[in-house]
Amino acid sequence: MISKLHWTKKIALIIFVIFIISVFVGNIKEHFRGTPYYVYLSMFSFIGVLGSVLWSFVNSVLMYKEINIKSNPNIYWLIFSAIPFLYFFIGLMIILFYTII
């Protein structure tokens, strides 16, 4: 089933998995504070989240250009591909909104 997917859809799955793993590592890294693992886990989490956000945006743009978006399954894949970027962008907007008020 996965072998029949378009390459942008496969990359969307990989990006989402990397994003989820990076967020999970970011949550559990506090248990390792004071150990040498903390630095590596923090760096992995930081690079994984920001990298997946960046590549989520790039992949969504590529997916929009490559795939015919007129059918519903392709729209769902486009939204799925943009989840890490939207999560980061909406969180940033909420932080900026509450900072201004």
N, C-alpha and C. Protein backbone atom coordinates (compact mmCIF):
# COMPACT_ATOMS: atom_id res chain seq x y z
N MET A 1 0.81 -1.19 0.00
CA MET A 1 0.00 0.00 0.00
C MET A 1 0.86 1.26 0.00
N ILE A 2 1.89 1.29 0.81
CA ILE A 2 2.75 2.47 0.87
C ILE A 2 3.55 2.62 -0.42
N SER A 3 3.89 1.51 -1.05
CA SER A 3 4.68 1.59 -2.28
C SER A 3 3.89 2.24 -3.43
N LYS A 4 2.56 2.30 -3.34
CA LYS A 4 1.75 2.89 -4.40
C LYS A 4 1.55 4.40 -4.21
N LEU A 5 1.99 4.95 -3.09
CA LEU A 5 1.80 6.36 -2.82
C LEU A 5 2.78 7.21 -3.63
N HIS A 6 2.37 8.44 -3.91
CA HIS A 6 3.24 9.41 -4.56
C HIS A 6 4.38 9.77 -3.60
N TRP A 7 5.52 10.16 -4.14
CA TRP A 7 6.69 10.40 -3.29
C TRP A 7 6.46 11.53 -2.29
N THR A 8 5.63 12.53 -2.62
CA THR A 8 5.37 13.60 -1.66
C THR A 8 4.52 13.09 -0.49
N LYS A 9 3.68 12.11 -0.75
CA LYS A 9 2.88 11.53 0.33
C LYS A 9 3.74 10.68 1.26
N LYS A 10 4.72 9.98 0.70
CA LYS A 10 5.64 9.20 1.53
C LYS A 10 6.47 10.12 2.41
N ILE A 11 6.92 11.23 1.84
CA ILE A 11 7.70 12.18 2.62
C ILE A 11 6.84 12.82 3.71
N ALA A 12 5.55 13.04 3.43
CA ALA A 12 4.64 13.59 4.43
C ALA A 12 4.54 12.64 5.63
N LEU A 13 4.48 11.35 5.38
CA LEU A 13 4.44 10.37 6.47
C LEU A 13 5.73 10.41 7.29
N ILE A 14 6.86 10.46 6.60
CA ILE A 14 8.16 10.49 7.29
C ILE A 14 8.29 11.76 8.13
N ILE A 15 7.89 12.89 7.58
CA ILE A 15 7.97 14.17 8.31
C ILE A 15 7.10 14.12 9.56
N PHE A 16 5.90 13.59 9.42
CA PHE A 16 4.99 13.52 10.58
C PHE A 16 5.56 12.62 11.67
N VAL A 17 6.14 11.49 11.30
CA VAL A 17 6.72 10.58 12.29
C VAL A 17 7.91 11.25 12.98
N ILE A 18 8.76 11.93 12.23
CA ILE A 18 9.90 12.64 12.83
C ILE A 18 9.40 13.73 13.78
N PHE A 19 8.35 14.43 13.40
CA PHE A 19 7.79 15.47 14.25
C PHE A 19 7.26 14.90 15.56
N ILE A 20 6.50 13.82 15.49
CA ILE A 20 5.94 13.21 16.70
C ILE A 20 7.06 12.69 17.61
N ILE A 21 8.07 12.03 17.04
CA ILE A 21 9.18 11.52 17.84
C ILE A 21 9.94 12.66 18.49
N SER A 22 10.17 13.75 17.76
CA SER A 22 10.90 14.89 18.31
C SER A 22 10.14 15.57 19.44
N VAL A 23 8.83 15.69 19.30
CA VAL A 23 8.02 16.27 20.37
C VAL A 23 8.05 15.35 21.59
N PHE A 24 7.96 14.06 21.38
CA PHE A 24 8.01 13.10 22.48
C PHE A 24 9.36 13.17 23.19
N VAL A 25 10.45 13.22 22.43
CA VAL A 25 11.79 13.32 23.04
C VAL A 25 11.92 14.63 23.80
N GLY A 26 11.34 15.71 23.26
CA GLY A 26 11.37 16.99 23.97
C GLY A 26 10.64 16.93 25.30
N ASN A 27 9.60 16.11 25.39
CA ASN A 27 8.86 15.99 26.65
C ASN A 27 9.59 15.11 27.66
N ILE A 28 10.29 14.07 27.21
CA ILE A 28 10.93 13.18 28.17
C ILE A 28 12.36 13.60 28.52
N LYS A 29 12.91 14.60 27.83
CA LYS A 29 14.30 14.98 28.08
C LYS A 29 14.50 15.54 29.49
N GLU A 30 13.45 16.09 30.08
CA GLU A 30 13.58 16.67 31.43
C GLU A 30 13.91 15.61 32.48
N HIS A 31 13.59 14.37 32.22
CA HIS A 31 13.93 13.30 33.15
C HIS A 31 15.44 13.04 33.17
N PHE A 32 16.13 13.53 32.16
CA PHE A 32 17.57 13.30 32.04
C PHE A 32 18.38 14.56 32.36
N ARG A 33 17.77 15.55 32.97
CA ARG A 33 18.48 16.78 33.31
C ARG A 33 19.62 16.46 34.28
N GLY A 34 20.78 17.03 33.99
CA GLY A 34 21.95 16.78 34.81
C GLY A 34 22.81 15.63 34.32
N THR A 35 22.37 14.95 33.29
CA THR A 35 23.15 13.86 32.71
C THR A 35 23.66 14.28 31.34
N PRO A 36 24.64 13.59 30.81
CA PRO A 36 25.13 13.94 29.47
C PRO A 36 24.08 13.73 28.37
N TYR A 37 23.09 12.89 28.62
CA TYR A 37 22.06 12.62 27.61
C TYR A 37 21.17 13.83 27.36
N TYR A 38 21.04 14.69 28.34
CA TYR A 38 20.14 15.84 28.24
C TYR A 38 20.50 16.73 27.05
N VAL A 39 21.79 16.98 26.87
CA VAL A 39 22.24 17.84 25.77
C VAL A 39 21.90 17.21 24.43
N TYR A 40 22.15 15.93 24.29
CA TYR A 40 21.88 15.26 23.02
C TYR A 40 20.37 15.18 22.74
N LEU A 41 19.60 14.90 23.76
CA LEU A 41 18.15 14.84 23.58
C LEU A 41 17.58 16.21 23.24
N SER A 42 18.10 17.25 23.88
CA SER A 42 17.65 18.61 23.57
C SER A 42 17.98 18.98 22.13
N MET A 43 19.17 18.67 21.71
CA MET A 43 19.59 18.99 20.34
C MET A 43 18.76 18.20 19.32
N PHE A 44 18.55 16.91 19.59
CA PHE A 44 17.74 16.09 18.68
C PHE A 44 16.33 16.64 18.59
N SER A 45 15.75 17.01 19.72
CA SER A 45 14.39 17.53 19.73
C SER A 45 14.31 18.85 18.97
N PHE A 46 15.25 19.73 19.21
CA PHE A 46 15.26 21.03 18.55
C PHE A 46 15.40 20.90 17.04
N ILE A 47 16.38 20.12 16.61
CA ILE A 47 16.62 19.94 15.18
C ILE A 47 15.46 19.19 14.54
N GLY A 48 14.93 18.19 15.22
CA GLY A 48 13.83 17.40 14.67
C GLY A 48 12.56 18.21 14.48
N VAL A 49 12.21 19.01 15.48
CA VAL A 49 10.98 19.81 15.38
C VAL A 49 11.13 20.89 14.33
N LEU A 50 12.19 21.66 14.39
CA LEU A 50 12.34 22.74 13.42
C LEU A 50 12.57 22.21 12.00
N GLY A 51 13.29 21.12 11.88
CA GLY A 51 13.48 20.53 10.56
C GLY A 51 12.19 20.00 9.98
N SER A 52 11.39 19.36 10.81
CA SER A 52 10.12 18.83 10.30
C SER A 52 9.14 19.95 9.97
N VAL A 53 9.18 21.06 10.72
CA VAL A 53 8.32 22.20 10.40
C VAL A 53 8.72 22.80 9.05
N LEU A 54 10.01 22.98 8.85
CA LEU A 54 10.50 23.53 7.58
C LEU A 54 10.16 22.61 6.41
N TRP A 55 10.47 21.32 6.56
CA TRP A 55 10.21 20.38 5.47
C TRP A 55 8.72 20.13 5.27
N SER A 56 7.93 20.32 6.31
CA SER A 56 6.48 20.21 6.15
C SER A 56 5.97 21.31 5.22
N PHE A 57 6.47 22.51 5.41
CA PHE A 57 6.07 23.61 4.54
C PHE A 57 6.52 23.36 3.11
N VAL A 58 7.77 22.96 2.95
CA VAL A 58 8.31 22.70 1.61
C VAL A 58 7.55 21.57 0.93
N ASN A 59 7.30 20.49 1.66
CA ASN A 59 6.59 19.35 1.07
C ASN A 59 5.15 19.71 0.72
N SER A 60 4.51 20.54 1.52
CA SER A 60 3.14 20.95 1.22
C SER A 60 3.09 21.77 -0.07
N VAL A 61 4.07 22.65 -0.25
CA VAL A 61 4.12 23.43 -1.49
C VAL A 61 4.38 22.51 -2.68
N LEU A 62 5.32 21.58 -2.54
CA LEU A 62 5.59 20.63 -3.63
C LEU A 62 4.38 19.76 -3.92
N MET A 63 3.70 19.34 -2.87
CA MET A 63 2.52 18.49 -3.06
C MET A 63 1.42 19.27 -3.77
N TYR A 64 1.27 20.53 -3.44
CA TYR A 64 0.25 21.35 -4.10
C TYR A 64 0.54 21.50 -5.59
N LYS A 65 1.83 21.62 -5.92
CA LYS A 65 2.21 21.77 -7.33
C LYS A 65 2.15 20.45 -8.09
N GLU A 66 2.51 19.34 -7.46
CA GLU A 66 2.64 18.06 -8.14
C GLU A 66 1.33 17.30 -8.32
N ILE A 67 0.47 17.36 -7.32
CA ILE A 67 -0.71 16.50 -7.30
C ILE A 67 -1.95 17.32 -7.65
N ASN A 68 -2.87 16.68 -8.34
CA ASN A 68 -4.14 17.32 -8.64
C ASN A 68 -4.93 17.42 -7.34
N ILE A 69 -5.17 18.63 -6.86
CA ILE A 69 -5.76 18.84 -5.54
C ILE A 69 -7.30 18.83 -5.59
N LYS A 70 -7.88 18.63 -6.74
CA LYS A 70 -9.33 18.73 -6.86
C LYS A 70 -10.08 17.58 -6.19
N SER A 71 -9.43 16.48 -5.93
CA SER A 71 -10.13 15.36 -5.28
C SER A 71 -9.90 15.41 -3.77
N ASN A 72 -10.87 14.93 -3.01
CA ASN A 72 -10.82 14.99 -1.55
C ASN A 72 -9.64 14.26 -0.92
N PRO A 73 -9.29 13.04 -1.36
CA PRO A 73 -8.15 12.38 -0.71
C PRO A 73 -6.85 13.18 -0.82
N ASN A 74 -6.65 13.88 -1.93
CA ASN A 74 -5.44 14.68 -2.07
C ASN A 74 -5.47 15.91 -1.17
N ILE A 75 -6.65 16.47 -0.94
CA ILE A 75 -6.75 17.60 -0.01
C ILE A 75 -6.42 17.12 1.40
N TYR A 76 -6.88 15.93 1.76
CA TYR A 76 -6.56 15.39 3.08
C TYR A 76 -5.06 15.16 3.23
N TRP A 77 -4.41 14.68 2.18
CA TRP A 77 -2.96 14.49 2.23
C TRP A 77 -2.23 15.82 2.35
N LEU A 78 -2.73 16.84 1.69
CA LEU A 78 -2.11 18.16 1.80
C LEU A 78 -2.23 18.70 3.22
N ILE A 79 -3.38 18.54 3.82
CA ILE A 79 -3.57 18.98 5.21
C ILE A 79 -2.69 18.16 6.14
N PHE A 80 -2.62 16.85 5.92
CA PHE A 80 -1.76 15.98 6.73
C PHE A 80 -0.30 16.39 6.61
N SER A 81 0.11 16.75 5.41
CA SER A 81 1.49 17.18 5.19
C SER A 81 1.80 18.48 5.91
N ALA A 82 0.81 19.33 6.06
CA ALA A 82 1.02 20.65 6.67
C ALA A 82 0.83 20.66 8.18
N ILE A 83 0.51 19.54 8.80
CA ILE A 83 0.23 19.52 10.25
C ILE A 83 1.40 20.06 11.08
N PRO A 84 2.64 19.62 10.89
CA PRO A 84 3.73 20.19 11.71
C PRO A 84 3.88 21.70 11.52
N PHE A 85 3.79 22.17 10.27
CA PHE A 85 3.90 23.61 10.02
C PHE A 85 2.74 24.36 10.65
N LEU A 86 1.52 23.85 10.51
CA LEU A 86 0.36 24.52 11.09
C LEU A 86 0.42 24.52 12.61
N TYR A 87 0.87 23.44 13.21
CA TYR A 87 1.01 23.34 14.66
C TYR A 87 1.97 24.42 15.16
N PHE A 88 3.10 24.56 14.51
CA PHE A 88 4.11 25.55 14.89
C PHE A 88 3.59 26.97 14.65
N PHE A 89 2.99 27.21 13.49
CA PHE A 89 2.51 28.54 13.13
C PHE A 89 1.37 28.99 14.04
N ILE A 90 0.42 28.11 14.33
CA ILE A 90 -0.69 28.48 15.21
C ILE A 90 -0.18 28.73 16.63
N GLY A 91 0.75 27.91 17.10
CA GLY A 91 1.34 28.14 18.41
C GLY A 91 2.08 29.46 18.49
N LEU A 92 2.79 29.80 17.44
CA LEU A 92 3.50 31.07 17.38
C LEU A 92 2.53 32.24 17.39
N MET A 93 1.44 32.12 16.65
CA MET A 93 0.44 33.19 16.62
C MET A 93 -0.23 33.36 17.98
N ILE A 94 -0.48 32.27 18.68
CA ILE A 94 -1.09 32.36 20.02
C ILE A 94 -0.14 33.06 20.98
N ILE A 95 1.14 32.70 20.93
CA ILE A 95 2.12 33.33 21.80
C ILE A 95 2.24 34.83 21.50
N LEU A 96 2.30 35.19 20.23
CA LEU A 96 2.40 36.59 19.86
C LEU A 96 1.14 37.36 20.23
N PHE A 97 -0.02 36.74 20.09
CA PHE A 97 -1.26 37.41 20.44
C PHE A 97 -1.33 37.71 21.93
N TYR A 98 -0.95 36.74 22.76
CA TYR A 98 -1.00 36.96 24.20
C TYR A 98 0.13 37.87 24.69
N THR A 99 1.21 37.99 23.94
CA THR A 99 2.27 38.91 24.30
C THR A 99 1.85 40.35 24.03
N ILE A 100 1.10 40.57 22.97
CA ILE A 100 0.65 41.92 22.62
C ILE A 100 -0.39 42.41 23.60
N ILE A 101 -1.28 41.51 24.03
CA ILE A 101 -2.36 41.91 24.95
C ILE A 101 -1.82 42.00 26.32
